[in-house]
Full PDB file with SEQRES, HELIX, SHEET, SSBOND, CRYST1, ORIGX, SCALE, CONECT and MASTER records, all heavy atoms in Angstrom:
SEQRES   1 A   39  GLY ARG LEU GLN PRO PHE GLY ALA LEU THR HIS LYS ASN          
SEQRES   2 A   39  PHE GLU PHE PHE GLU GLU SER SER TRP GLN TYR ASP LEU          
SEQRES   3 A   39  GLY ILE ASN TYR LEU LEU ASN GLY HIS HIS ALA LYS ILE          
HELIX    1 AA1 GLY A   34  HIS A   36  5                                   3    
SHEET    1 AA1 2 ARG A   2  LYS A  12  0                                        
SHEET    2 AA1 2 SER A  21  LEU A  31 -1                                        
CRYST1    1.000    1.000    1.000  90.00  90.00  90.00 P 1           1          
ORIGX1      1.000000  0.000000  0.000000        0.00000                         
ORIGX2      0.000000  1.000000  0.000000        0.00000                         
ORIGX3      0.000000  0.000000  1.000000        0.00000                         
SCALE1      1.000000  0.000000  0.000000        0.00000                         
SCALE2      0.000000  1.000000  0.000000        0.00000                         
SCALE3      0.000000  0.000000  1.000000        0.00000                         
ATOM      1  N   GLY A   1       5.763  -3.385  21.112  1.00  0.00           N  
ATOM      2  CA  GLY A   1       5.430  -2.852  19.806  1.00  0.00           C  
ATOM      3  C   GLY A   1       4.054  -3.297  19.357  1.00  0.00           C  
ATOM      4  O   GLY A   1       3.350  -4.070  20.012  1.00  0.00           O  
ATOM      5  N   ARG A   2       3.659  -2.798  18.183  1.00  0.00           N  
ATOM      6  CA  ARG A   2       2.351  -3.078  17.599  1.00  0.00           C  
ATOM      7  C   ARG A   2       2.525  -3.512  16.142  1.00  0.00           C  
ATOM      8  O   ARG A   2       3.505  -3.154  15.472  1.00  0.00           O  
ATOM      9  CB  ARG A   2       1.461  -1.815  17.614  1.00  0.00           C  
ATOM     10  CG  ARG A   2       1.323  -1.150  18.973  1.00  0.00           C  
ATOM     11  CD  ARG A   2       0.482  -1.974  19.920  1.00  0.00           C  
ATOM     12  NE  ARG A   2      -0.844  -2.242  19.403  1.00  0.00           N  
ATOM     13  CZ  ARG A   2      -1.876  -1.385  19.492  1.00  0.00           C  
ATOM     14  NH1 ARG A   2      -1.699  -0.199  20.069  1.00  0.00           N  
ATOM     15  NH2 ARG A   2      -3.065  -1.700  19.023  1.00  0.00           N  
ATOM     16  N   LEU A   3       1.550  -4.266  15.647  1.00  0.00           N  
ATOM     17  CA  LEU A   3       1.535  -4.691  14.251  1.00  0.00           C  
ATOM     18  C   LEU A   3       0.324  -4.109  13.549  1.00  0.00           C  
ATOM     19  O   LEU A   3      -0.775  -4.066  14.108  1.00  0.00           O  
ATOM     20  CB  LEU A   3       1.515  -6.217  14.146  1.00  0.00           C  
ATOM     21  CG  LEU A   3       2.746  -6.963  14.641  1.00  0.00           C  
ATOM     22  CD1 LEU A   3       2.538  -8.469  14.507  1.00  0.00           C  
ATOM     23  CD2 LEU A   3       3.999  -6.532  13.883  1.00  0.00           C  
ATOM     24  N   GLN A   4       0.535  -3.677  12.317  1.00  0.00           N  
ATOM     25  CA  GLN A   4      -0.538  -3.083  11.516  1.00  0.00           C  
ATOM     26  C   GLN A   4      -0.406  -3.560  10.068  1.00  0.00           C  
ATOM     27  O   GLN A   4       0.281  -2.936   9.263  1.00  0.00           O  
ATOM     28  CB  GLN A   4      -0.478  -1.554  11.576  1.00  0.00           C  
ATOM     29  CG  GLN A   4      -1.620  -0.846  10.859  1.00  0.00           C  
ATOM     30  CD  GLN A   4      -1.443   0.663  10.820  1.00  0.00           C  
ATOM     31  OE1 GLN A   4      -0.325   1.165  10.635  1.00  0.00           O  
ATOM     32  NE2 GLN A   4      -2.525   1.385  11.022  1.00  0.00           N  
ATOM     33  N   PRO A   5      -1.059  -4.660   9.714  1.00  0.00           N  
ATOM     34  CA  PRO A   5      -1.061  -5.068   8.304  1.00  0.00           C  
ATOM     35  C   PRO A   5      -1.913  -4.115   7.472  1.00  0.00           C  
ATOM     36  O   PRO A   5      -2.876  -3.520   7.977  1.00  0.00           O  
ATOM     37  CB  PRO A   5      -1.669  -6.472   8.349  1.00  0.00           C  
ATOM     38  CG  PRO A   5      -2.480  -6.501   9.595  1.00  0.00           C  
ATOM     39  CD  PRO A   5      -1.796  -5.599  10.576  1.00  0.00           C  
ATOM     40  N   PHE A   6      -1.562  -3.977   6.199  1.00  0.00           N  
ATOM     41  CA  PHE A   6      -2.298  -3.068   5.313  1.00  0.00           C  
ATOM     42  C   PHE A   6      -2.256  -3.579   3.886  1.00  0.00           C  
ATOM     43  O   PHE A   6      -1.427  -4.425   3.518  1.00  0.00           O  
ATOM     44  CB  PHE A   6      -1.705  -1.654   5.382  1.00  0.00           C  
ATOM     45  CG  PHE A   6      -0.269  -1.563   4.943  1.00  0.00           C  
ATOM     46  CD1 PHE A   6       0.069  -1.464   3.596  1.00  0.00           C  
ATOM     47  CD2 PHE A   6       0.759  -1.590   5.869  1.00  0.00           C  
ATOM     48  CE1 PHE A   6       1.386  -1.395   3.186  1.00  0.00           C  
ATOM     49  CE2 PHE A   6       2.091  -1.528   5.484  1.00  0.00           C  
ATOM     50  CZ  PHE A   6       2.395  -1.428   4.123  1.00  0.00           C  
ATOM     51  N   GLY A   7      -3.148  -3.049   3.093  1.00  0.00           N  
ATOM     52  CA  GLY A   7      -3.174  -3.352   1.671  1.00  0.00           C  
ATOM     53  C   GLY A   7      -3.681  -2.157   0.891  1.00  0.00           C  
ATOM     54  O   GLY A   7      -4.418  -1.314   1.430  1.00  0.00           O  
ATOM     55  N   ALA A   8      -3.275  -2.052  -0.361  1.00  0.00           N  
ATOM     56  CA  ALA A   8      -3.711  -0.957  -1.220  1.00  0.00           C  
ATOM     57  C   ALA A   8      -4.007  -1.494  -2.617  1.00  0.00           C  
ATOM     58  O   ALA A   8      -3.333  -2.422  -3.095  1.00  0.00           O  
ATOM     59  CB  ALA A   8      -2.649   0.142  -1.303  1.00  0.00           C  
ATOM     60  N   LEU A   9      -4.997  -0.917  -3.252  1.00  0.00           N  
ATOM     61  CA  LEU A   9      -5.423  -1.326  -4.587  1.00  0.00           C  
ATOM     62  C   LEU A   9      -5.545  -0.094  -5.469  1.00  0.00           C  
ATOM     63  O   LEU A   9      -6.093   0.928  -5.044  1.00  0.00           O  
ATOM     64  CB  LEU A   9      -6.772  -2.049  -4.505  1.00  0.00           C  
ATOM     65  CG  LEU A   9      -7.276  -2.765  -5.763  1.00  0.00           C  
ATOM     66  CD1 LEU A   9      -6.351  -3.931  -6.122  1.00  0.00           C  
ATOM     67  CD2 LEU A   9      -8.697  -3.272  -5.542  1.00  0.00           C  
ATOM     68  N   THR A  10      -5.009  -0.182  -6.682  1.00  0.00           N  
ATOM     69  CA  THR A  10      -5.018   0.954  -7.611  1.00  0.00           C  
ATOM     70  C   THR A  10      -5.578   0.532  -8.962  1.00  0.00           C  
ATOM     71  O   THR A  10      -5.206  -0.525  -9.491  1.00  0.00           O  
ATOM     72  CB  THR A  10      -3.593   1.499  -7.828  1.00  0.00           C  
ATOM     73  OG1 THR A  10      -3.018   1.850  -6.576  1.00  0.00           O  
ATOM     74  CG2 THR A  10      -3.610   2.716  -8.738  1.00  0.00           C  
ATOM     75  N   HIS A  11      -6.454   1.371  -9.503  1.00  0.00           N  
ATOM     76  CA  HIS A  11      -6.945   1.173 -10.873  1.00  0.00           C  
ATOM     77  C   HIS A  11      -6.632   2.431 -11.672  1.00  0.00           C  
ATOM     78  O   HIS A  11      -7.014   3.537 -11.294  1.00  0.00           O  
ATOM     79  CB  HIS A  11      -8.451   0.907 -10.896  1.00  0.00           C  
ATOM     80  CG  HIS A  11      -8.982   0.675 -12.278  1.00  0.00           C  
ATOM     81  ND1 HIS A  11      -9.643   1.652 -13.001  1.00  0.00           N  
ATOM     82  CD2 HIS A  11      -8.947  -0.425 -13.084  1.00  0.00           C  
ATOM     83  CE1 HIS A  11      -9.997   1.166 -14.179  1.00  0.00           C  
ATOM     84  NE2 HIS A  11      -9.579  -0.087 -14.248  1.00  0.00           N  
ATOM     85  N   LYS A  12      -5.911   2.256 -12.787  1.00  0.00           N  
ATOM     86  CA  LYS A  12      -5.536   3.374 -13.651  1.00  0.00           C  
ATOM     87  C   LYS A  12      -6.176   3.195 -15.023  1.00  0.00           C  
ATOM     88  O   LYS A  12      -6.111   2.099 -15.601  1.00  0.00           O  
ATOM     89  CB  LYS A  12      -4.014   3.448 -13.818  1.00  0.00           C  
ATOM     90  CG  LYS A  12      -3.248   3.684 -12.544  1.00  0.00           C  
ATOM     91  CD  LYS A  12      -1.746   3.609 -12.797  1.00  0.00           C  
ATOM     92  CE  LYS A  12      -0.941   3.774 -11.525  1.00  0.00           C  
ATOM     93  NZ  LYS A  12       0.513   3.568 -11.756  1.00  0.00           N  
ATOM     94  N   ASN A  13      -6.746   4.250 -15.523  1.00  0.00           N  
ATOM     95  CA  ASN A  13      -7.350   4.234 -16.850  1.00  0.00           C  
ATOM     96  C   ASN A  13      -6.848   5.456 -17.612  1.00  0.00           C  
ATOM     97  O   ASN A  13      -7.507   6.494 -17.683  1.00  0.00           O  
ATOM     98  CB  ASN A  13      -8.879   4.250 -16.752  1.00  0.00           C  
ATOM     99  CG  ASN A  13      -9.548   4.142 -18.110  1.00  0.00           C  
ATOM    100  OD1 ASN A  13      -8.975   3.627 -19.061  1.00  0.00           O  
ATOM    101  ND2 ASN A  13     -10.767   4.654 -18.211  1.00  0.00           N  
ATOM    102  N   PHE A  14      -5.629   5.320 -18.170  1.00  0.00           N  
ATOM    103  CA  PHE A  14      -5.004   6.436 -18.874  1.00  0.00           C  
ATOM    104  C   PHE A  14      -5.412   6.447 -20.345  1.00  0.00           C  
ATOM    105  O   PHE A  14      -5.458   5.395 -21.000  1.00  0.00           O  
ATOM    106  CB  PHE A  14      -3.476   6.343 -18.787  1.00  0.00           C  
ATOM    107  CG  PHE A  14      -2.934   6.586 -17.405  1.00  0.00           C  
ATOM    108  CD1 PHE A  14      -1.931   5.779 -16.884  1.00  0.00           C  
ATOM    109  CD2 PHE A  14      -3.408   7.631 -16.624  1.00  0.00           C  
ATOM    110  CE1 PHE A  14      -1.416   5.995 -15.624  1.00  0.00           C  
ATOM    111  CE2 PHE A  14      -2.907   7.866 -15.364  1.00  0.00           C  
ATOM    112  CZ  PHE A  14      -1.906   7.043 -14.850  1.00  0.00           C  
ATOM    113  N   GLU A  15      -5.650   7.634 -20.856  1.00  0.00           N  
ATOM    114  CA  GLU A  15      -6.025   7.809 -22.259  1.00  0.00           C  
ATOM    115  C   GLU A  15      -4.928   7.308 -23.198  1.00  0.00           C  
ATOM    116  O   GLU A  15      -5.201   6.848 -24.306  1.00  0.00           O  
ATOM    117  CB  GLU A  15      -6.308   9.291 -22.511  1.00  0.00           C  
ATOM    118  CG  GLU A  15      -6.817   9.640 -23.883  1.00  0.00           C  
ATOM    119  CD  GLU A  15      -7.090  11.131 -24.010  1.00  0.00           C  
ATOM    120  OE1 GLU A  15      -6.158  11.870 -24.365  1.00  0.00           O  
ATOM    121  OE2 GLU A  15      -8.238  11.544 -23.751  1.00  0.00           O  
ATOM    122  N   PHE A  16      -3.693   7.346 -22.747  1.00  0.00           N  
ATOM    123  CA  PHE A  16      -2.551   6.973 -23.574  1.00  0.00           C  
ATOM    124  C   PHE A  16      -2.584   5.499 -23.976  1.00  0.00           C  
ATOM    125  O   PHE A  16      -2.113   5.129 -25.056  1.00  0.00           O  
ATOM    126  CB  PHE A  16      -1.258   7.280 -22.808  1.00  0.00           C  
ATOM    127  CG  PHE A  16       0.008   7.027 -23.578  1.00  0.00           C  
ATOM    128  CD1 PHE A  16       0.488   7.963 -24.487  1.00  0.00           C  
ATOM    129  CD2 PHE A  16       0.727   5.857 -23.378  1.00  0.00           C  
ATOM    130  CE1 PHE A  16       1.664   7.735 -25.189  1.00  0.00           C  
ATOM    131  CE2 PHE A  16       1.898   5.614 -24.078  1.00  0.00           C  
ATOM    132  CZ  PHE A  16       2.363   6.556 -24.983  1.00  0.00           C  
ATOM    133  N   PHE A  17      -3.135   4.646 -23.088  1.00  0.00           N  
ATOM    134  CA  PHE A  17      -3.139   3.208 -23.332  1.00  0.00           C  
ATOM    135  C   PHE A  17      -4.511   2.725 -23.804  1.00  0.00           C  
ATOM    136  O   PHE A  17      -5.529   3.382 -23.578  1.00  0.00           O  
ATOM    137  CB  PHE A  17      -2.734   2.450 -22.062  1.00  0.00           C  
ATOM    138  CG  PHE A  17      -1.319   2.709 -21.641  1.00  0.00           C  
ATOM    139  CD1 PHE A  17      -1.043   3.566 -20.587  1.00  0.00           C  
ATOM    140  CD2 PHE A  17      -0.262   2.116 -22.309  1.00  0.00           C  
ATOM    141  CE1 PHE A  17       0.262   3.817 -20.200  1.00  0.00           C  
ATOM    142  CE2 PHE A  17       1.049   2.350 -21.928  1.00  0.00           C  
ATOM    143  CZ  PHE A  17       1.316   3.212 -20.874  1.00  0.00           C  
ATOM    144  N   GLU A  18      -4.519   1.549 -24.416  1.00  0.00           N  
ATOM    145  CA  GLU A  18      -5.756   0.997 -24.963  1.00  0.00           C  
ATOM    146  C   GLU A  18      -6.588   0.278 -23.911  1.00  0.00           C  
ATOM    147  O   GLU A  18      -7.754  -0.032 -24.154  1.00  0.00           O  
ATOM    148  CB  GLU A  18      -5.447   0.031 -26.119  1.00  0.00           C  
ATOM    149  CG  GLU A  18      -4.816   0.711 -27.329  1.00  0.00           C  
ATOM    150  CD  GLU A  18      -4.515  -0.264 -28.445  1.00  0.00           C  
ATOM    151  OE1 GLU A  18      -4.834  -1.470 -28.282  1.00  0.00           O  
ATOM    152  OE2 GLU A  18      -3.954   0.161 -29.476  1.00  0.00           O  
ATOM    153  N   GLU A  19      -5.991  -0.032 -22.769  1.00  0.00           N  
ATOM    154  CA  GLU A  19      -6.739  -0.694 -21.715  1.00  0.00           C  
ATOM    155  C   GLU A  19      -6.282  -0.202 -20.353  1.00  0.00           C  
ATOM    156  O   GLU A  19      -5.171   0.309 -20.202  1.00  0.00           O  
ATOM    157  CB  GLU A  19      -6.597  -2.216 -21.802  1.00  0.00           C  
ATOM    158  CG  GLU A  19      -5.186  -2.727 -21.609  1.00  0.00           C  
ATOM    159  CD  GLU A  19      -5.120  -4.250 -21.707  1.00  0.00           C  
ATOM    160  OE1 GLU A  19      -6.046  -4.840 -22.286  1.00  0.00           O  
ATOM    161  OE2 GLU A  19      -4.151  -4.831 -21.188  1.00  0.00           O  
ATOM    162  N   SER A  20      -7.159  -0.348 -19.379  1.00  0.00           N  
ATOM    163  CA  SER A  20      -6.844   0.066 -18.017  1.00  0.00           C  
ATOM    164  C   SER A  20      -6.073  -1.044 -17.301  1.00  0.00           C  
ATOM    165  O   SER A  20      -5.889  -2.134 -17.839  1.00  0.00           O  
ATOM    166  CB  SER A  20      -8.124   0.407 -17.262  1.00  0.00           C  
ATOM    167  OG  SER A  20      -8.983  -0.729 -17.214  1.00  0.00           O  
ATOM    168  N   SER A  21      -5.659  -0.777 -16.069  1.00  0.00           N  
ATOM    169  CA  SER A  21      -4.868  -1.764 -15.330  1.00  0.00           C  
ATOM    170  C   SER A  21      -5.139  -1.667 -13.838  1.00  0.00           C  
ATOM    171  O   SER A  21      -5.488  -0.604 -13.310  1.00  0.00           O  
ATOM    172  CB  SER A  21      -3.372  -1.560 -15.593  1.00  0.00           C  
ATOM    173  OG  SER A  21      -2.954  -0.302 -15.098  1.00  0.00           O  
ATOM    174  N   TRP A  22      -4.961  -2.810 -13.169  1.00  0.00           N  
ATOM    175  CA  TRP A  22      -5.034  -2.887 -11.713  1.00  0.00           C  
ATOM    176  C   TRP A  22      -3.650  -3.226 -11.169  1.00  0.00           C  
ATOM    177  O   TRP A  22      -2.860  -3.898 -11.826  1.00  0.00           O  
ATOM    178  CB  TRP A  22      -6.012  -3.976 -11.267  1.00  0.00           C  
ATOM    179  CG  TRP A  22      -7.458  -3.672 -11.525  1.00  0.00           C  
ATOM    180  CD1 TRP A  22      -8.176  -3.984 -12.649  1.00  0.00           C  
ATOM    181  CD2 TRP A  22      -8.360  -3.001 -10.646  1.00  0.00           C  
ATOM    182  NE1 TRP A  22      -9.472  -3.555 -12.521  1.00  0.00           N  
ATOM    183  CE2 TRP A  22      -9.620  -2.951 -11.305  1.00  0.00           C  
ATOM    184  CE3 TRP A  22      -8.243  -2.445  -9.375  1.00  0.00           C  
ATOM    185  CZ2 TRP A  22     -10.740  -2.365 -10.726  1.00  0.00           C  
ATOM    186  CZ3 TRP A  22      -9.355  -1.855  -8.794  1.00  0.00           C  
ATOM    187  CH2 TRP A  22     -10.582  -1.812  -9.462  1.00  0.00           C  
ATOM    188  N   GLN A  23      -3.380  -2.782  -9.955  1.00  0.00           N  
ATOM    189  CA  GLN A  23      -2.163  -3.179  -9.265  1.00  0.00           C  
ATOM    190  C   GLN A  23      -2.404  -3.124  -7.767  1.00  0.00           C  
ATOM    191  O   GLN A  23      -3.373  -2.516  -7.304  1.00  0.00           O  
ATOM    192  CB  GLN A  23      -0.988  -2.295  -9.653  1.00  0.00           C  
ATOM    193  CG  GLN A  23      -1.134  -0.816  -9.305  1.00  0.00           C  
ATOM    194  CD  GLN A  23      -0.056   0.011  -9.964  1.00  0.00           C  
ATOM    195  OE1 GLN A  23      -0.233   0.515 -11.075  1.00  0.00           O  
ATOM    196  NE2 GLN A  23       1.074   0.169  -9.272  1.00  0.00           N  
ATOM    197  N   TYR A  24      -1.489  -3.755  -6.996  1.00  0.00           N  
ATOM    198  CA  TYR A  24      -1.728  -3.843  -5.565  1.00  0.00           C  
ATOM    199  C   TYR A  24      -0.432  -3.723  -4.783  1.00  0.00           C  
ATOM    200  O   TYR A  24       0.668  -3.908  -5.311  1.00  0.00           O  
ATOM    201  CB  TYR A  24      -2.426  -5.162  -5.214  1.00  0.00           C  
ATOM    202  CG  TYR A  24      -1.586  -6.392  -5.476  1.00  0.00           C  
ATOM    203  CD1 TYR A  24      -0.735  -6.903  -4.495  1.00  0.00           C  
ATOM    204  CD2 TYR A  24      -1.633  -7.045  -6.706  1.00  0.00           C  
ATOM    205  CE1 TYR A  24       0.044  -8.021  -4.731  1.00  0.00           C  
ATOM    206  CE2 TYR A  24      -0.855  -8.174  -6.947  1.00  0.00           C  
ATOM    207  CZ  TYR A  24      -0.016  -8.653  -5.962  1.00  0.00           C  
ATOM    208  OH  TYR A  24       0.758  -9.759  -6.200  1.00  0.00           O  
ATOM    209  N   ASP A  25      -0.594  -3.409  -3.495  1.00  0.00           N  
ATOM    210  CA  ASP A  25       0.511  -3.373  -2.537  1.00  0.00           C  
ATOM    211  C   ASP A  25       0.026  -4.046  -1.256  1.00  0.00           C  
ATOM    212  O   ASP A  25      -1.107  -3.821  -0.816  1.00  0.00           O  
ATOM    213  CB  ASP A  25       0.934  -1.935  -2.215  1.00  0.00           C  
ATOM    214  CG  ASP A  25       1.344  -1.157  -3.449  1.00  0.00           C  
ATOM    215  OD1 ASP A  25       2.464  -1.381  -3.928  1.00  0.00           O  
ATOM    216  OD2 ASP A  25       0.542  -0.343  -3.935  1.00  0.00           O  
ATOM    217  N   LEU A  26       0.884  -4.850  -0.647  1.00  0.00           N  
ATOM    218  CA  LEU A  26       0.580  -5.521   0.609  1.00  0.00           C  
ATOM    219  C   LEU A  26       1.752  -5.344   1.551  1.00  0.00           C  
ATOM    220  O   LEU A  26       2.914  -5.410   1.130  1.00  0.00           O  
ATOM    221  CB  LEU A  26       0.319  -7.014   0.387  1.00  0.00           C  
ATOM    222  CG  LEU A  26      -0.890  -7.396  -0.464  1.00  0.00           C  
ATOM    223  CD1 LEU A  26      -0.887  -8.894  -0.748  1.00  0.00           C  
ATOM    224  CD2 LEU A  26      -2.193  -6.979   0.213  1.00  0.00           C  
ATOM    225  N   GLY A  27       1.459  -5.130   2.832  1.00  0.00           N  
ATOM    226  CA  GLY A  27       2.566  -4.947   3.755  1.00  0.00           C  
ATOM    227  C   GLY A  27       2.138  -4.965   5.200  1.00  0.00           C  
ATOM    228  O   GLY A  27       0.975  -5.209   5.537  1.00  0.00           O  
ATOM    229  N   ILE A  28       3.102  -4.695   6.066  1.00  0.00           N  
ATOM    230  CA  ILE A  28       2.849  -4.666   7.499  1.00  0.00           C  
ATOM    231  C   ILE A  28       3.771  -3.648   8.156  1.00  0.00           C  
ATOM    232  O   ILE A  28       4.942  -3.516   7.782  1.00  0.00           O  
ATOM    233  CB  ILE A  28       3.047  -6.063   8.125  1.00  0.00           C  
ATOM    234  CG1 ILE A  28       2.592  -6.078   9.591  1.00  0.00           C  
ATOM    235  CG2 ILE A  28       4.487  -6.543   7.981  1.00  0.00           C  
ATOM    236  CD1 ILE A  28       2.488  -7.464  10.172  1.00  0.00           C  
ATOM    237  N   ASN A  29       3.224  -2.888   9.094  1.00  0.00           N  
ATOM    238  CA  ASN A  29       3.994  -1.966   9.914  1.00  0.00           C  
ATOM    239  C   ASN A  29       4.277  -2.604  11.269  1.00  0.00           C  
ATOM    240  O   ASN A  29       3.364  -3.150  11.906  1.00  0.00           O  
ATOM    241  CB  ASN A  29       3.220  -0.661  10.149  1.00  0.00           C  
ATOM    242  CG  ASN A  29       3.076   0.174   8.902  1.00  0.00           C  
ATOM    243  OD1 ASN A  29       4.025   0.341   8.150  1.00  0.00           O  
ATOM    244  ND2 ASN A  29       1.888   0.706   8.669  1.00  0.00           N  
ATOM    245  N   TYR A  30       5.529  -2.578  11.683  1.00  0.00           N  
ATOM    246  CA  TYR A  30       5.899  -2.973  13.035  1.00  0.00           C  
ATOM    247  C   TYR A  30       6.212  -1.676  13.776  1.00  0.00           C  
ATOM    248  O   TYR A  30       7.248  -1.047  13.555  1.00  0.00           O  
ATOM    249  CB  TYR A  30       7.107  -3.910  13.007  1.00  0.00           C  
ATOM    250  CG  TYR A  30       7.638  -4.277  14.369  1.00  0.00           C  
ATOM    251  CD1 TYR A  30       6.794  -4.458  15.454  1.00  0.00           C  
ATOM    252  CD2 TYR A  30       9.009  -4.448  14.564  1.00  0.00           C  
ATOM    253  CE1 TYR A  30       7.290  -4.794  16.696  1.00  0.00           C  
ATOM    254  CE2 TYR A  30       9.515  -4.793  15.807  1.00  0.00           C  
ATOM    255  CZ  TYR A  30       8.646  -4.960  16.870  1.00  0.00           C  
ATOM    256  OH  TYR A  30       9.138  -5.294  18.110  1.00  0.00           O  
ATOM    257  N   LEU A  31       5.299  -1.261  14.640  1.00  0.00           N  
ATOM    258  CA  LEU A  31       5.370   0.031  15.309  1.00  0.00           C  
ATOM    259  C   LEU A  31       6.024  -0.137  16.679  1.00  0.00           C  
ATOM    260  O   LEU A  31       5.376  -0.576  17.638  1.00  0.00           O  
ATOM    261  CB  LEU A  31       3.969   0.626  15.444  1.00  0.00           C  
ATOM    262  CG  LEU A  31       3.211   0.783  14.108  1.00  0.00           C  
ATOM    263  CD1 LEU A  31       1.741   0.494  14.279  1.00  0.00           C  
ATOM    264  CD2 LEU A  31       3.417   2.175  13.536  1.00  0.00           C  
ATOM    265  N   LEU A  32       7.295   0.192  16.785  1.00  0.00           N  
ATOM    266  CA  LEU A  32       7.979   0.094  18.065  1.00  0.00           C  
ATOM    267  C   LEU A  32       7.501   1.174  19.022  1.00  0.00           C  
ATOM    268  O   LEU A  32       7.376   0.943  20.223  1.00  0.00           O  
ATOM    269  CB  LEU A  32       9.495   0.212  17.875  1.00  0.00           C  
ATOM    270  CG  LEU A  32      10.204  -0.985  17.251  1.00  0.00           C  
ATOM    271  CD1 LEU A  32      10.115  -0.935  15.737  1.00  0.00           C  
ATOM    272  CD2 LEU A  32      11.664  -1.008  17.686  1.00  0.00           C  
ATOM    273  N   ASN A  33       7.256   2.372  18.475  1.00  0.00           N  
ATOM    274  CA  ASN A  33       6.763   3.491  19.283  1.00  0.00           C  
ATOM    275  C   ASN A  33       5.884   4.365  18.403  1.00  0.00           C  
ATOM    276  O   ASN A  33       6.229   5.498  18.079  1.00  0.00           O  
ATOM    277  CB  ASN A  33       7.924   4.297  19.853  1.00  0.00           C  
ATOM    278  CG  ASN A  33       7.450   5.419  20.763  1.00  0.00           C  
ATOM    279  OD1 ASN A  33       6.398   5.323  21.386  1.00  0.00           O  
ATOM    280  ND2 ASN A  33       8.230   6.491  20.844  1.00  0.00           N  
ATOM    281  N   GLY A  34       4.756   3.812  17.973  1.00  0.00           N  
ATOM    282  CA  GLY A  34       3.878   4.531  17.062  1.00  0.00           C  
ATOM    283  C   GLY A  34       4.616   4.900  15.786  1.00  0.00           C  
ATOM    284  O   GLY A  34       5.428   4.136  15.266  1.00  0.00           O  
ATOM    285  N   HIS A  35       4.346   6.098  15.288  1.00  0.00           N  
ATOM    286  CA  HIS A  35       5.034   6.566  14.088  1.00  0.00           C  
ATOM    287  C   HIS A  35       6.423   7.122  14.395  1.00  0.00           C  
ATOM    288  O   HIS A  35       7.173   7.440  13.471  1.00  0.00           O  
ATOM    289  CB  HIS A  35       4.203   7.648  13.394  1.00  0.00           C  
ATOM    290  CG  HIS A  35       2.953   7.138  12.753  1.00  0.00           C  
ATOM    291  ND1 HIS A  35       2.966   6.207  11.742  1.00  0.00           N  
ATOM    292  CD2 HIS A  35       1.652   7.427  12.987  1.00  0.00           C  
ATOM    293  CE1 HIS A  35       1.723   5.947  11.364  1.00  0.00           C  
ATOM    294  NE2 HIS A  35       0.917   6.668  12.109  1.00  0.00           N  
ATOM    295  N   HIS A  36       6.755   7.245  15.677  1.00  0.00           N  
ATOM    296  CA  HIS A  36       8.080   7.773  16.013  1.00  0.00           C  
ATOM    297  C   HIS A  36       9.179   6.778  15.674  1.00  0.00           C  
ATOM    298  O   HIS A  36      10.305   7.184  15.368  1.00  0.00           O  
ATOM    299  CB  HIS A  36       8.139   8.147  17.495  1.00  0.00           C  
ATOM    300  CG  HIS A  36       7.354   9.371  17.834  1.00  0.00           C  
ATOM    301  ND1 HIS A  36       7.763  10.640  17.506  1.00  0.00           N  
ATOM    302  CD2 HIS A  36       6.157   9.510  18.454  1.00  0.00           C  
ATOM    303  CE1 HIS A  36       6.867  11.524  17.914  1.00  0.00           C  
ATOM    304  NE2 HIS A  36       5.881  10.862  18.496  1.00  0.00           N  
ATOM    305  N   ALA A  37       8.864   5.496  15.741  1.00  0.00           N  
ATOM    306  CA  ALA A  37       9.855   4.475  15.384  1.00  0.00           C  
ATOM    307  C   ALA A  37       9.102   3.265  14.850  1.00  0.00           C  
ATOM    308  O   ALA A  37       8.365   2.607  15.597  1.00  0.00           O  
ATOM    309  CB  ALA A  37      10.694   4.092  16.593  1.00  0.00           C  
ATOM    310  N   LYS A  38       9.260   2.996  13.562  1.00  0.00           N  
ATOM    311  CA  LYS A  38       8.550   1.859  12.979  1.00  0.00           C  
ATOM    312  C   LYS A  38       9.370   1.248  11.853  1.00  0.00           C  
ATOM    313  O   LYS A  38      10.250   1.890  11.273  1.00  0.00           O  
ATOM    314  CB  LYS A  38       7.169   2.268  12.463  1.00  0.00           C  
ATOM    315  CG  LYS A  38       7.169   3.202  11.259  1.00  0.00           C  
ATOM    316  CD  LYS A  38       5.740   3.540  10.832  1.00  0.00           C  
ATOM    317  CE  LYS A  38       5.728   4.464   9.624  1.00  0.00           C  
ATOM    318  NZ  LYS A  38       4.357   4.826   9.214  1.00  0.00           N  
ATOM    319  N   ILE A  39       9.069  -0.022  11.578  1.00  0.00           N  
ATOM    320  CA  ILE A  39       9.683  -0.758  10.482  1.00  0.00           C  
ATOM    321  C   ILE A  39       8.555  -1.267   9.597  1.00  0.00           C  
ATOM    322  O   ILE A  39       7.562  -1.805  10.091  1.00  0.00           O  
ATOM    323  CB  ILE A  39      10.517  -1.939  11.007  1.00  0.00           C  
ATOM    324  CG1 ILE A  39      11.623  -1.434  11.943  1.00  0.00           C  
ATOM    325  CG2 ILE A  39      11.130  -2.725   9.855  1.00  0.00           C  
ATOM    326  CD1 ILE A  39      12.356  -2.532  12.677  1.00  0.00           C  
TER     327      ILE A  39                                                      
MASTER        0    0    0    1    2    0    0    6  326    1    0    3          
END                                                                             
């Protein structure tokens, strides 16, 4: 298998709220057979 760590960052600036916000996601793909089988 293969390992693929990843991260994502989001910035939202909605008119509805008085201030914007940041958020994040962190993770790892364990690819047993590419995208055909992964965890």
